[in-house]
Amino acid sequence: MADLDTEFGKTVSVYKIAESLNDRGDVTKSTVSTLSVVCEIQVMSGNEREVRAGILKTGDAIGFFRPSDNIAIGDEVEYQNNTYVVVGLFLEQLGTVPVYQEAHLQRIVK
């Protein structure tokens, strides 16, 4: 039987980001490491509950990751030539069994 994650998910790059101050006091970002994970990404069209609640706006996304994936707030996710920053992360459980992680992803406009 095929692995459902591989069958239906998409492979994305997740970048672990570190921030530091330079000599002038400006915040600089650097990539510490990169992960390749299989997940489901849903880009917001504007009609979803999260958009209406003001959590995300049109063009932002929600990512559904495996509970074992090393995802954290502040990570950056690259999907379909866009980069998103993880601004919220929730672990969905069935009783005490972790089912998936839901990541709220704000699109970074470059």
PDB file of N, CA and C in Angstrom:
ATOM      1  N   MET A   1       0.851  -1.187   0.000  1.00  0.00           N
ATOM      2  CA  MET A   1       0.000   0.000   0.000  1.00  0.00           C
ATOM      3  C   MET A   1       0.893   1.246   0.000  1.00  0.00           C
ATOM      4  N   ALA A   2       0.538   2.210  -0.795  1.00  0.00           N
ATOM      5  CA  ALA A   2       1.346   3.430  -0.908  1.00  0.00           C
ATOM      6  C   ALA A   2       1.247   4.273   0.361  1.00  0.00           C
ATOM      7  N   ASP A   3       2.327   4.954   0.680  1.00  0.00           N
ATOM      8  CA  ASP A   3       2.345   5.879   1.800  1.00  0.00           C
ATOM      9  C   ASP A   3       1.474   7.080   1.441  1.00  0.00           C
ATOM     10  N   LEU A   4       0.414   7.330   2.223  1.00  0.00           N
ATOM     11  CA  LEU A   4      -0.519   8.408   1.894  1.00  0.00           C
ATOM     12  C   LEU A   4       0.161   9.763   1.842  1.00  0.00           C
ATOM     13  N   ASP A   5       1.152  10.002   2.731  1.00  0.00           N
ATOM     14  CA  ASP A   5       1.857  11.287   2.719  1.00  0.00           C
ATOM     15  C   ASP A   5       2.527  11.512   1.368  1.00  0.00           C
ATOM     16  N   THR A   6       3.174  10.481   0.864  1.00  0.00           N
ATOM     17  CA  THR A   6       3.885  10.587  -0.398  1.00  0.00           C
ATOM     18  C   THR A   6       2.906  10.628  -1.566  1.00  0.00           C
ATOM     19  N   GLU A   7       1.814   9.873  -1.451  1.00  0.00           N
ATOM     20  CA  GLU A   7       0.833   9.794  -2.527  1.00  0.00           C
ATOM     21  C   GLU A   7       0.125  11.123  -2.755  1.00  0.00           C
ATOM     22  N   PHE A   8      -0.253  11.827  -1.692  1.00  0.00           N
ATOM     23  CA  PHE A   8      -1.089  13.003  -1.828  1.00  0.00           C
ATOM     24  C   PHE A   8      -0.406  14.308  -1.451  1.00  0.00           C
ATOM     25  N   GLY A   9       0.706  14.261  -0.745  1.00  0.00           N
ATOM     26  CA  GLY A   9       1.363  15.479  -0.288  1.00  0.00           C
ATOM     27  C   GLY A   9       2.301  16.061  -1.326  1.00  0.00           C
ATOM     28  N   LYS A  10       2.874  17.200  -0.957  1.00  0.00           N
ATOM     29  CA  LYS A  10       3.831  17.890  -1.814  1.00  0.00           C
ATOM     30  C   LYS A  10       5.139  18.025  -1.039  1.00  0.00           C
ATOM     31  N   THR A  11       6.247  17.888  -1.729  1.00  0.00           N
ATOM     32  CA  THR A  11       7.538  18.058  -1.081  1.00  0.00           C
ATOM     33  C   THR A  11       7.889  19.538  -1.085  1.00  0.00           C
ATOM     34  N   VAL A  12       8.168  20.084   0.093  1.00  0.00           N
ATOM     35  CA  VAL A  12       8.541  21.492   0.231  1.00  0.00           C
ATOM     36  C   VAL A  12       9.849  21.594   0.998  1.00  0.00           C
ATOM     37  N   SER A  13      10.509  22.727   0.858  1.00  0.00           N
ATOM     38  CA  SER A  13      11.719  23.017   1.626  1.00  0.00           C
ATOM     39  C   SER A  13      11.338  23.876   2.820  1.00  0.00           C
ATOM     40  N   VAL A  14      11.863  23.502   3.985  1.00  0.00           N
ATOM     41  CA  VAL A  14      11.666  24.266   5.218  1.00  0.00           C
ATOM     42  C   VAL A  14      13.033  24.755   5.667  1.00  0.00           C
ATOM     43  N   TYR A  15      13.136  26.071   5.870  1.00  0.00           N
ATOM     44  CA  TYR A  15      14.403  26.682   6.256  1.00  0.00           C
ATOM     45  C   TYR A  15      14.357  27.100   7.714  1.00  0.00           C
ATOM     46  N   LYS A  16      15.314  26.614   8.487  1.00  0.00           N
ATOM     47  CA  LYS A  16      15.483  27.052   9.872  1.00  0.00           C
ATOM     48  C   LYS A  16      16.266  28.363   9.829  1.00  0.00           C
ATOM     49  N   ILE A  17      15.688  29.414  10.397  1.00  0.00           N
ATOM     50  CA  ILE A  17      16.252  30.755  10.294  1.00  0.00           C
ATOM     51  C   ILE A  17      16.785  31.219  11.646  1.00  0.00           C
ATOM     52  N   ALA A  18      17.959  31.834  11.625  1.00  0.00           N
ATOM     53  CA  ALA A  18      18.521  32.461  12.821  1.00  0.00           C
ATOM     54  C   ALA A  18      18.615  33.963  12.564  1.00  0.00           C
ATOM     55  N   GLU A  19      18.268  34.746  13.587  1.00  0.00           N
ATOM     56  CA  GLU A  19      18.387  36.203  13.479  1.00  0.00           C
ATOM     57  C   GLU A  19      19.500  36.684  14.388  1.00  0.00           C
ATOM     58  N   SER A  20      20.229  37.692  13.921  1.00  0.00           N
ATOM     59  CA  SER A  20      21.292  38.285  14.737  1.00  0.00           C
ATOM     60  C   SER A  20      21.371  39.772  14.422  1.00  0.00           C
ATOM     61  N   LEU A  21      22.081  40.491  15.254  1.00  0.00           N
ATOM     62  CA  LEU A  21      22.284  41.927  15.035  1.00  0.00           C
ATOM     63  C   LEU A  21      23.653  42.150  14.407  1.00  0.00           C
ATOM     64  N   ASN A  22      23.701  43.014  13.379  1.00  0.00           N
ATOM     65  CA  ASN A  22      24.998  43.345  12.796  1.00  0.00           C
ATOM     66  C   ASN A  22      25.604  44.526  13.566  1.00  0.00           C
ATOM     67  N   ASP A  23      26.736  45.025  13.100  1.00  0.00           N
ATOM     68  CA  ASP A  23      27.454  46.104  13.793  1.00  0.00           C
ATOM     69  C   ASP A  23      26.648  47.388  13.903  1.00  0.00           C
ATOM     70  N   ARG A  24      25.704  47.599  12.974  1.00  0.00           N
ATOM     71  CA  ARG A  24      24.895  48.816  13.000  1.00  0.00           C
ATOM     72  C   ARG A  24      23.609  48.634  13.800  1.00  0.00           C
ATOM     73  N   GLY A  25      23.391  47.437  14.334  1.00  0.00           N
ATOM     74  CA  GLY A  25      22.181  47.176  15.105  1.00  0.00           C
ATOM     75  C   GLY A  25      21.002  46.697  14.275  1.00  0.00           C
ATOM     76  N   ASP A  26      21.244  46.409  12.987  1.00  0.00           N
ATOM     77  CA  ASP A  26      20.188  45.899  12.120  1.00  0.00           C
ATOM     78  C   ASP A  26      20.049  44.390  12.310  1.00  0.00           C
ATOM     79  N   VAL A  27      18.833  43.914  12.230  1.00  0.00           N
ATOM     80  CA  VAL A  27      18.578  42.473  12.327  1.00  0.00           C
ATOM     81  C   VAL A  27      18.900  41.836  10.985  1.00  0.00           C
ATOM     82  N   THR A  28      19.705  40.798  11.014  1.00  0.00           N
ATOM     83  CA  THR A  28      20.014  40.038   9.808  1.00  0.00           C
ATOM     84  C   THR A  28      19.559  38.604  10.003  1.00  0.00           C
ATOM     85  N   LYS A  29      19.107  37.995   8.911  1.00  0.00           N
ATOM     86  CA  LYS A  29      18.649  36.610   8.949  1.00  0.00           C
ATOM     87  C   LYS A  29      19.631  35.737   8.193  1.00  0.00           C
ATOM     88  N   SER A  30      19.781  34.514   8.688  1.00  0.00           N
ATOM     89  CA  SER A  30      20.588  33.539   7.955  1.00  0.00           C
ATOM     90  C   SER A  30      19.939  32.164   8.109  1.00  0.00           C
ATOM     91  N   THR A  31      20.121  31.357   7.089  1.00  0.00           N
ATOM     92  CA  THR A  31      19.574  30.003   7.111  1.00  0.00           C
ATOM     93  C   THR A  31      20.542  29.100   7.855  1.00  0.00           C
ATOM     94  N   VAL A  32      20.030  28.437   8.897  1.00  0.00           N
ATOM     95  CA  VAL A  32      20.849  27.537   9.704  1.00  0.00           C
ATOM     96  C   VAL A  32      20.846  26.135   9.098  1.00  0.00           C
ATOM     97  N   SER A  33      19.671  25.694   8.653  1.00  0.00           N
ATOM     98  CA  SER A  33      19.564  24.375   8.036  1.00  0.00           C
ATOM     99  C   SER A  33      18.321  24.327   7.158  1.00  0.00           C
ATOM    100  N   THR A  34      18.274  23.315   6.303  1.00  0.00           N
ATOM    101  CA  THR A  34      17.149  23.140   5.394  1.00  0.00           C
ATOM    102  C   THR A  34      16.623  21.717   5.522  1.00  0.00           C
ATOM    103  N   LEU A  35      15.298  21.591   5.603  1.00  0.00           N
ATOM    104  CA  LEU A  35      14.646  20.287   5.634  1.00  0.00           C
ATOM    105  C   LEU A  35      13.815  20.128   4.379  1.00  0.00           C
ATOM    106  N   SER A  36      13.658  18.917   3.925  1.00  0.00           N
ATOM    107  CA  SER A  36      12.744  18.619   2.831  1.00  0.00           C
ATOM    108  C   SER A  36      11.654  17.735   3.423  1.00  0.00           C
ATOM    109  N   VAL A  37      10.408  18.212   3.417  1.00  0.00           N
ATOM    110  CA  VAL A  37       9.314  17.465   4.032  1.00  0.00           C
ATOM    111  C   VAL A  37       8.140  17.340   3.061  1.00  0.00           C
ATOM    112  N   VAL A  38       7.356  16.297   3.264  1.00  0.00           N
ATOM    113  CA  VAL A  38       6.144  16.094   2.485  1.00  0.00           C
ATOM    114  C   VAL A  38       4.975  16.578   3.332  1.00  0.00           C
ATOM    115  N   CYS A  39       4.158  17.463   2.775  1.00  0.00           N
ATOM    116  CA  CYS A  39       3.039  18.035   3.518  1.00  0.00           C
ATOM    117  C   CYS A  39       1.933  18.428   2.547  1.00  0.00           C
ATOM    118  N   GLU A  40       0.869  18.965   3.076  1.00  0.00           N
ATOM    119  CA  GLU A  40      -0.212  19.509   2.262  1.00  0.00           C
ATOM    120  C   GLU A  40      -0.261  21.008   2.514  1.00  0.00           C
ATOM    121  N   ILE A  41      -0.271  21.808   1.468  1.00  0.00           N
ATOM    122  CA  ILE A  41      -0.333  23.268   1.580  1.00  0.00           C
ATOM    123  C   ILE A  41      -1.614  23.745   0.899  1.00  0.00           C
ATOM    124  N   GLN A  42      -2.374  24.587   1.601  1.00  0.00           N
ATOM    125  CA  GLN A  42      -3.581  25.177   1.031  1.00  0.00           C
ATOM    126  C   GLN A  42      -3.423  26.696   1.042  1.00  0.00           C
ATOM    127  N   VAL A  43      -3.344  27.294  -0.140  1.00  0.00           N
ATOM    128  CA  VAL A  43      -3.201  28.741  -0.256  1.00  0.00           C
ATOM    129  C   VAL A  43      -4.578  29.371  -0.077  1.00  0.00           C
ATOM    130  N   MET A  44      -4.644  30.432   0.721  1.00  0.00           N
ATOM    131  CA  MET A  44      -5.909  31.095   1.038  1.00  0.00           C
ATOM    132  C   MET A  44      -6.416  31.903  -0.157  1.00  0.00           C
ATOM    133  N   SER A  45      -7.681  31.683  -0.490  1.00  0.00           N
ATOM    134  CA  SER A  45      -8.288  32.398  -1.618  1.00  0.00           C
ATOM    135  C   SER A  45      -9.076  33.621  -1.163  1.00  0.00           C
ATOM    136  N   GLY A  46      -9.411  33.694   0.121  1.00  0.00           N
ATOM    137  CA  GLY A  46     -10.137  34.846   0.638  1.00  0.00           C
ATOM    138  C   GLY A  46     -11.459  34.500   1.284  1.00  0.00           C
ATOM    139  N   ASN A  47     -11.958  33.291   1.089  1.00  0.00           N
ATOM    140  CA  ASN A  47     -13.254  32.908   1.633  1.00  0.00           C
ATOM    141  C   ASN A  47     -13.172  32.066   2.898  1.00  0.00           C
ATOM    142  N   GLU A  48     -11.999  31.658   3.289  1.00  0.00           N
ATOM    143  CA  GLU A  48     -11.848  30.749   4.412  1.00  0.00           C
ATOM    144  C   GLU A  48     -12.074  31.448   5.748  1.00  0.00           C
ATOM    145  N   ARG A  49     -12.409  30.668   6.761  1.00  0.00           N
ATOM    146  CA  ARG A  49     -12.666  31.184   8.108  1.00  0.00           C
ATOM    147  C   ARG A  49     -11.442  31.907   8.665  1.00  0.00           C
ATOM    148  N   GLU A  50     -10.241  31.374   8.436  1.00  0.00           N
ATOM    149  CA  GLU A  50      -9.028  31.994   8.964  1.00  0.00           C
ATOM    150  C   GLU A  50      -8.808  33.371   8.362  1.00  0.00           C
ATOM    151  N   VAL A  51      -9.161  33.526   7.083  1.00  0.00           N
ATOM    152  CA  VAL A  51      -9.009  34.831   6.431  1.00  0.00           C
ATOM    153  C   VAL A  51      -9.999  35.816   7.040  1.00  0.00           C
ATOM    154  N   ARG A  52     -11.238  35.386   7.213  1.00  0.00           N
ATOM    155  CA  ARG A  52     -12.247  36.275   7.794  1.00  0.00           C
ATOM    156  C   ARG A  52     -11.892  36.661   9.221  1.00  0.00           C
ATOM    157  N   ALA A  53     -11.243  35.767   9.957  1.00  0.00           N
ATOM    158  CA  ALA A  53     -10.871  36.049  11.338  1.00  0.00           C
ATOM    159  C   ALA A  53      -9.652  36.961  11.434  1.00  0.00           C
ATOM    160  N   GLY A  54      -9.002  37.227  10.313  1.00  0.00           N
ATOM    161  CA  GLY A  54      -7.856  38.117  10.317  1.00  0.00           C
ATOM    162  C   GLY A  54      -6.548  37.442  10.661  1.00  0.00           C
ATOM    163  N   ILE A  55      -6.551  36.116  10.790  1.00  0.00           N
ATOM    164  CA  ILE A  55      -5.307  35.408  11.089  1.00  0.00           C
ATOM    165  C   ILE A  55      -4.400  35.414   9.870  1.00  0.00           C
ATOM    166  N   LEU A  56      -4.980  35.082   8.728  1.00  0.00           N
ATOM    167  CA  LEU A  56      -4.250  35.060   7.470  1.00  0.00           C
ATOM    168  C   LEU A  56      -5.010  35.890   6.455  1.00  0.00           C
ATOM    169  N   LYS A  57      -4.325  36.316   5.416  1.00  0.00           N
ATOM    170  CA  LYS A  57      -4.997  37.073   4.360  1.00  0.00           C
ATOM    171  C   LYS A  57      -4.864  36.310   3.042  1.00  0.00           C
ATOM    172  N   THR A  58      -5.565  36.773   2.043  1.00  0.00           N
ATOM    173  CA  THR A  58      -5.502  36.144   0.734  1.00  0.00           C
ATOM    174  C   THR A  58      -4.050  36.050   0.285  1.00  0.00           C
ATOM    175  N   GLY A  59      -3.649  34.879  -0.190  1.00  0.00           N
ATOM    176  CA  GLY A  59      -2.268  34.653  -0.619  1.00  0.00           C
ATOM    177  C   GLY A  59      -1.426  33.971   0.435  1.00  0.00           C
ATOM    178  N   ASP A  60      -1.840  34.052   1.712  1.00  0.00           N
ATOM    179  CA  ASP A  60      -1.165  33.298   2.758  1.00  0.00           C
ATOM    180  C   ASP A  60      -1.601  31.842   2.641  1.00  0.00           C
ATOM    181  N   ALA A  61      -1.148  30.968   3.532  1.00  0.00           N
ATOM    182  CA  ALA A  61      -1.451  29.548   3.381  1.00  0.00           C
ATOM    183  C   ALA A  61      -1.523  28.856   4.734  1.00  0.00           C
ATOM    184  N   ILE A  62      -2.081  27.655   4.687  1.00  0.00           N
ATOM    185  CA  ILE A  62      -2.067  26.753   5.843  1.00  0.00           C
ATOM    186  C   ILE A  62      -1.350  25.496   5.391  1.00  0.00           C
ATOM    187  N   GLY A  63      -0.406  25.050   6.198  1.00  0.00           N
ATOM    188  CA  GLY A  63       0.328  23.824   5.901  1.00  0.00           C
ATOM    189  C   GLY A  63      -0.024  22.746   6.908  1.00  0.00           C
ATOM    190  N   PHE A  64      -0.174  21.539   6.419  1.00  0.00           N
ATOM    191  CA  PHE A  64      -0.458  20.389   7.272  1.00  0.00           C
ATOM    192  C   PHE A  64       0.745  19.458   7.205  1.00  0.00           C
ATOM    193  N   PHE A  65       1.449  19.352   8.338  1.00  0.00           N
ATOM    194  CA  PHE A  65       2.685  18.591   8.424  1.00  0.00           C
ATOM    195  C   PHE A  65       2.506  17.383   9.336  1.00  0.00           C
ATOM    196  N   ARG A  66       3.338  16.381   9.156  1.00  0.00           N
ATOM    197  CA  ARG A  66       3.325  15.222  10.052  1.00  0.00           C
ATOM    198  C   ARG A  66       3.734  15.671  11.451  1.00  0.00           C
ATOM    199  N   PRO A  67       3.234  14.992  12.484  1.00  0.00           N
ATOM    200  CA  PRO A  67       3.601  15.377  13.857  1.00  0.00           C
ATOM    201  C   PRO A  67       5.103  15.284  14.110  1.00  0.00           C
ATOM    202  N   SER A  68       5.787  14.407  13.391  1.00  0.00           N
ATOM    203  CA  SER A  68       7.226  14.211  13.603  1.00  0.00           C
ATOM    204  C   SER A  68       8.096  15.224  12.866  1.00  0.00           C
ATOM    205  N   ASP A  69       7.500  16.019  11.960  1.00  0.00           N
ATOM    206  CA  ASP A  69       8.293  17.014  11.233  1.00  0.00           C
ATOM    207  C   ASP A  69       8.760  18.110  12.188  1.00  0.00           C
ATOM    208  N   ASN A  70       9.994  18.535  12.015  1.00  0.00           N
ATOM    209  CA  ASN A  70      10.610  19.538  12.886  1.00  0.00           C
ATOM    210  C   ASN A  70      10.259  20.937  12.382  1.00  0.00           C
ATOM    211  N   ILE A  71       8.999  21.353  12.631  1.00  0.00           N
ATOM    212  CA  ILE A  71       8.511  22.655  12.186  1.00  0.00           C
ATOM    213  C   ILE A  71       8.383  23.557  13.407  1.00  0.00           C
ATOM    214  N   ALA A  72       8.770  24.827  13.278  1.00  0.00           N
ATOM    215  CA  ALA A  72       8.688  25.762  14.404  1.00  0.00           C
ATOM    216  C   ALA A  72       8.284  27.146  13.898  1.00  0.00           C
ATOM    217  N   ILE A  73       7.713  27.945  14.789  1.00  0.00           N
ATOM    218  CA  ILE A  73       7.397  29.328  14.458  1.00  0.00           C
ATOM    219  C   ILE A  73       8.694  30.047  14.080  1.00  0.00           C
ATOM    220  N   GLY A  74       8.639  30.807  13.007  1.00  0.00           N
ATOM    221  CA  GLY A  74       9.826  31.509  12.508  1.00  0.00           C
ATOM    222  C   GLY A  74      10.499  30.800  11.347  1.00  0.00           C
ATOM    223  N   ASP A  75      10.189  29.509  11.147  1.00  0.00           N
ATOM    224  CA  ASP A  75      10.737  28.800   9.993  1.00  0.00           C
ATOM    225  C   ASP A  75      10.162  29.406   8.723  1.00  0.00           C
ATOM    226  N   GLU A  76      10.869  29.236   7.620  1.00  0.00           N
ATOM    227  CA  GLU A  76      10.371  29.682   6.326  1.00  0.00           C
ATOM    228  C   GLU A  76      10.141  28.466   5.442  1.00  0.00           C
ATOM    229  N   VAL A  77       9.017  28.479   4.723  1.00  0.00           N
ATOM    230  CA  VAL A  77       8.612  27.373   3.861  1.00  0.00           C
ATOM    231  C   VAL A  77       8.552  27.878   2.432  1.00  0.00           C
ATOM    232  N   GLU A  78       9.165  27.148   1.512  1.00  0.00           N
ATOM    233  CA  GLU A  78       9.128  27.523   0.100  1.00  0.00           C
ATOM    234  C   GLU A  78       8.154  26.599  -0.618  1.00  0.00           C
ATOM    235  N   TYR A  79       7.169  27.212  -1.293  1.00  0.00           N
ATOM    236  CA  TYR A  79       6.141  26.444  -1.994  1.00  0.00           C
ATOM    237  C   TYR A  79       5.677  27.220  -3.217  1.00  0.00           C
ATOM    238  N   GLN A  80       5.698  26.593  -4.366  1.00  0.00           N
ATOM    239  CA  GLN A  80       5.260  27.182  -5.636  1.00  0.00           C
ATOM    240  C   GLN A  80       5.849  28.579  -5.873  1.00  0.00           C
ATOM    241  N   ASN A  81       7.158  28.676  -5.751  1.00  0.00           N
ATOM    242  CA  ASN A  81       7.898  29.920  -5.997  1.00  0.00           C
ATOM    243  C   ASN A  81       7.545  31.049  -5.038  1.00  0.00           C
ATOM    244  N   ASN A  82       6.925  30.732  -3.910  1.00  0.00           N
ATOM    245  CA  ASN A  82       6.657  31.716  -2.861  1.00  0.00           C
ATOM    246  C   ASN A  82       7.334  31.259  -1.582  1.00  0.00           C
ATOM    247  N   THR A  83       7.670  32.216  -0.732  1.00  0.00           N
ATOM    248  CA  THR A  83       8.235  31.906   0.575  1.00  0.00           C
ATOM    249  C   THR A  83       7.267  32.382   1.640  1.00  0.00           C
ATOM    250  N   TYR A  84       7.039  31.531   2.630  1.00  0.00           N
ATOM    251  CA  TYR A  84       6.115  31.808   3.728  1.00  0.00           C
ATOM    252  C   TYR A  84       6.862  31.672   5.050  1.00  0.00           C
ATOM    253  N   VAL A  85       6.460  32.455   6.042  1.00  0.00           N
ATOM    254  CA  VAL A  85       7.012  32.321   7.387  1.00  0.00           C
ATOM    255  C   VAL A  85       5.931  31.711   8.268  1.00  0.00           C
ATOM    256  N   VAL A  86       6.345  30.767   9.124  1.00  0.00           N
ATOM    257  CA  VAL A  86       5.418  30.115  10.052  1.00  0.00           C
ATOM    258  C   VAL A  86       5.132  31.095  11.186  1.00  0.00           C
ATOM    259  N   VAL A  87       3.857  31.514  11.317  1.00  0.00           N
ATOM    260  CA  VAL A  87       3.471  32.465  12.363  1.00  0.00           C
ATOM    261  C   VAL A  87       2.598  31.825  13.440  1.00  0.00           C
ATOM    262  N   GLY A  88       2.112  30.641  13.180  1.00  0.00           N
ATOM    263  CA  GLY A  88       1.305  29.912  14.158  1.00  0.00           C
ATOM    264  C   GLY A  88       1.456  28.430  13.910  1.00  0.00           C
ATOM    265  N   LEU A  89       1.411  27.651  14.980  1.00  0.00           N
ATOM    266  CA  LEU A  89       1.608  26.206  14.855  1.00  0.00           C
ATOM    267  C   LEU A  89       0.760  25.506  15.897  1.00  0.00           C
ATOM    268  N   PHE A  90      -0.054  24.565  15.450  1.00  0.00           N
ATOM    269  CA  PHE A  90      -0.956  23.841  16.344  1.00  0.00           C
ATOM    270  C   PHE A  90      -0.831  22.348  16.092  1.00  0.00           C
ATOM    271  N   LEU A  91      -0.774  21.559  17.167  1.00  0.00           N
ATOM    272  CA  LEU A  91      -0.725  20.106  17.070  1.00  0.00           C
ATOM    273  C   LEU A  91      -2.132  19.566  17.227  1.00  0.00           C
ATOM    274  N   GLU A  92      -2.650  18.938  16.183  1.00  0.00           N
ATOM    275  CA  GLU A  92      -3.974  18.318  16.225  1.00  0.00           C
ATOM    276  C   GLU A  92      -3.817  16.895  16.730  1.00  0.00           C
ATOM    277  N   GLN A  93      -4.622  16.541  17.728  1.00  0.00           N
ATOM    278  CA  GLN A  93      -4.531  15.214  18.326  1.00  0.00           C
ATOM    279  C   GLN A  93      -5.881  14.527  18.314  1.00  0.00           C
ATOM    280  N   LEU A  94      -5.863  13.209  18.273  1.00  0.00           N
ATOM    281  CA  LEU A  94      -7.041  12.383  18.426  1.00  0.00           C
ATOM    282  C   LEU A  94      -6.859  11.694  19.772  1.00  0.00           C
ATOM    283  N   GLY A  95      -7.510  12.236  20.806  1.00  0.00           N
ATOM    284  CA  GLY A  95      -7.217  11.792  22.176  1.00  0.00           C
ATOM    285  C   GLY A  95      -5.829  12.280  22.529  1.00  0.00           C
ATOM    286  N   THR A  96      -4.936  11.341  22.782  1.00  0.00           N
ATOM    287  CA  THR A  96      -3.549  11.708  23.092  1.00  0.00           C
ATOM    288  C   THR A  96      -2.601  11.394  21.934  1.00  0.00           C
ATOM    289  N   VAL A  97      -3.144  10.955  20.809  1.00  0.00           N
ATOM    290  CA  VAL A  97      -2.323  10.582  19.658  1.00  0.00           C
ATOM    291  C   VAL A  97      -2.185  11.770  18.711  1.00  0.00           C
ATOM    292  N   PRO A  98      -0.955  12.249  18.477  1.00  0.00           N
ATOM    293  CA  PRO A  98      -0.757  13.349  17.525  1.00  0.00           C
ATOM    294  C   PRO A  98      -1.132  12.902  16.113  1.00  0.00           C
ATOM    295  N   VAL A  99      -1.928  13.728  15.409  1.00  0.00           N
ATOM    296  CA  VAL A  99      -2.383  13.388  14.064  1.00  0.00           C
ATOM    297  C   VAL A  99      -1.614  14.198  13.021  1.00  0.00           C
ATOM    298  N   TYR A 100      -1.558  15.525  13.194  1.00  0.00           N
ATOM    299  CA  TYR A 100      -0.819  16.382  12.274  1.00  0.00           C
ATOM    300  C   TYR A 100      -0.543  17.715  12.952  1.00  0.00           C
ATOM    301  N   GLN A 101       0.378  18.479  12.359  1.00  0.00           N
ATOM    302  CA  GLN A 101       0.646  19.850  12.785  1.00  0.00           C
ATOM    303  C   GLN A 101       0.057  20.786  11.737  1.00  0.00           C
ATOM    304  N   GLU A 102      -0.673  21.796  12.198  1.00  0.00           N
ATOM    305  CA  GLU A 102      -1.222  22.807  11.302  1.00  0.00           C
ATOM    306  C   GLU A 102      -0.391  24.067  11.476  1.00  0.00           C
ATOM    307  N   ALA A 103       0.208  24.525  10.377  1.00  0.00           N
ATOM    308  CA  ALA A 103       1.059  25.720  10.411  1.00  0.00           C
ATOM    309  C   ALA A 103       0.376  26.848   9.660  1.00  0.00           C
ATOM    310  N   HIS A 104       0.256  28.008  10.296  1.00  0.00           N
ATOM    311  CA  HIS A 104      -0.251  29.199   9.617  1.00  0.00           C
ATOM    312  C   HIS A 104       0.953  29.880   8.976  1.00  0.00           C
ATOM    313  N   LEU A 105       0.852  30.102   7.665  1.00  0.00           N
ATOM    314  CA  LEU A 105       1.977  30.569   6.872  1.00  0.00           C
ATOM    315  C   LEU A 105       1.660  31.925   6.235  1.00  0.00           C
ATOM    316  N   GLN A 106       2.397  32.949   6.632  1.00  0.00           N
ATOM    317  CA  GLN A 106       2.229  34.269   6.004  1.00  0.00           C
ATOM    318  C   GLN A 106       3.235  34.388   4.862  1.00  0.00           C
ATOM    319  N   ARG A 107       2.716  34.801   3.710  1.00  0.00           N
ATOM    320  CA  ARG A 107       3.568  34.946   2.538  1.00  0.00           C
ATOM    321  C   ARG A 107       4.503  36.131   2.709  1.00  0.00           C
ATOM    322  N   ILE A 108       5.762  35.925   2.392  1.00  0.00           N
ATOM    323  CA  ILE A 108       6.762  36.983   2.442  1.00  0.00           C
ATOM    324  C   ILE A 108       6.821  37.621   1.064  1.00  0.00           C
ATOM    325  N   VAL A 109       6.503  38.907   0.996  1.00  0.00           N
ATOM    326  CA  VAL A 109       6.531  39.625  -0.275  1.00  0.00           C
ATOM    327  C   VAL A 109       7.934  40.210  -0.431  1.00  0.00           C
ATOM    328  N   LYS A 110       8.580  39.844  -1.513  1.00  0.00           N
ATOM    329  CA  LYS A 110       9.965  40.297  -1.730  1.00  0.00           C
ATOM    330  C   LYS A 110      10.006  41.422  -2.728  1.00  0.00           C
TER     331      LYS A 110
END
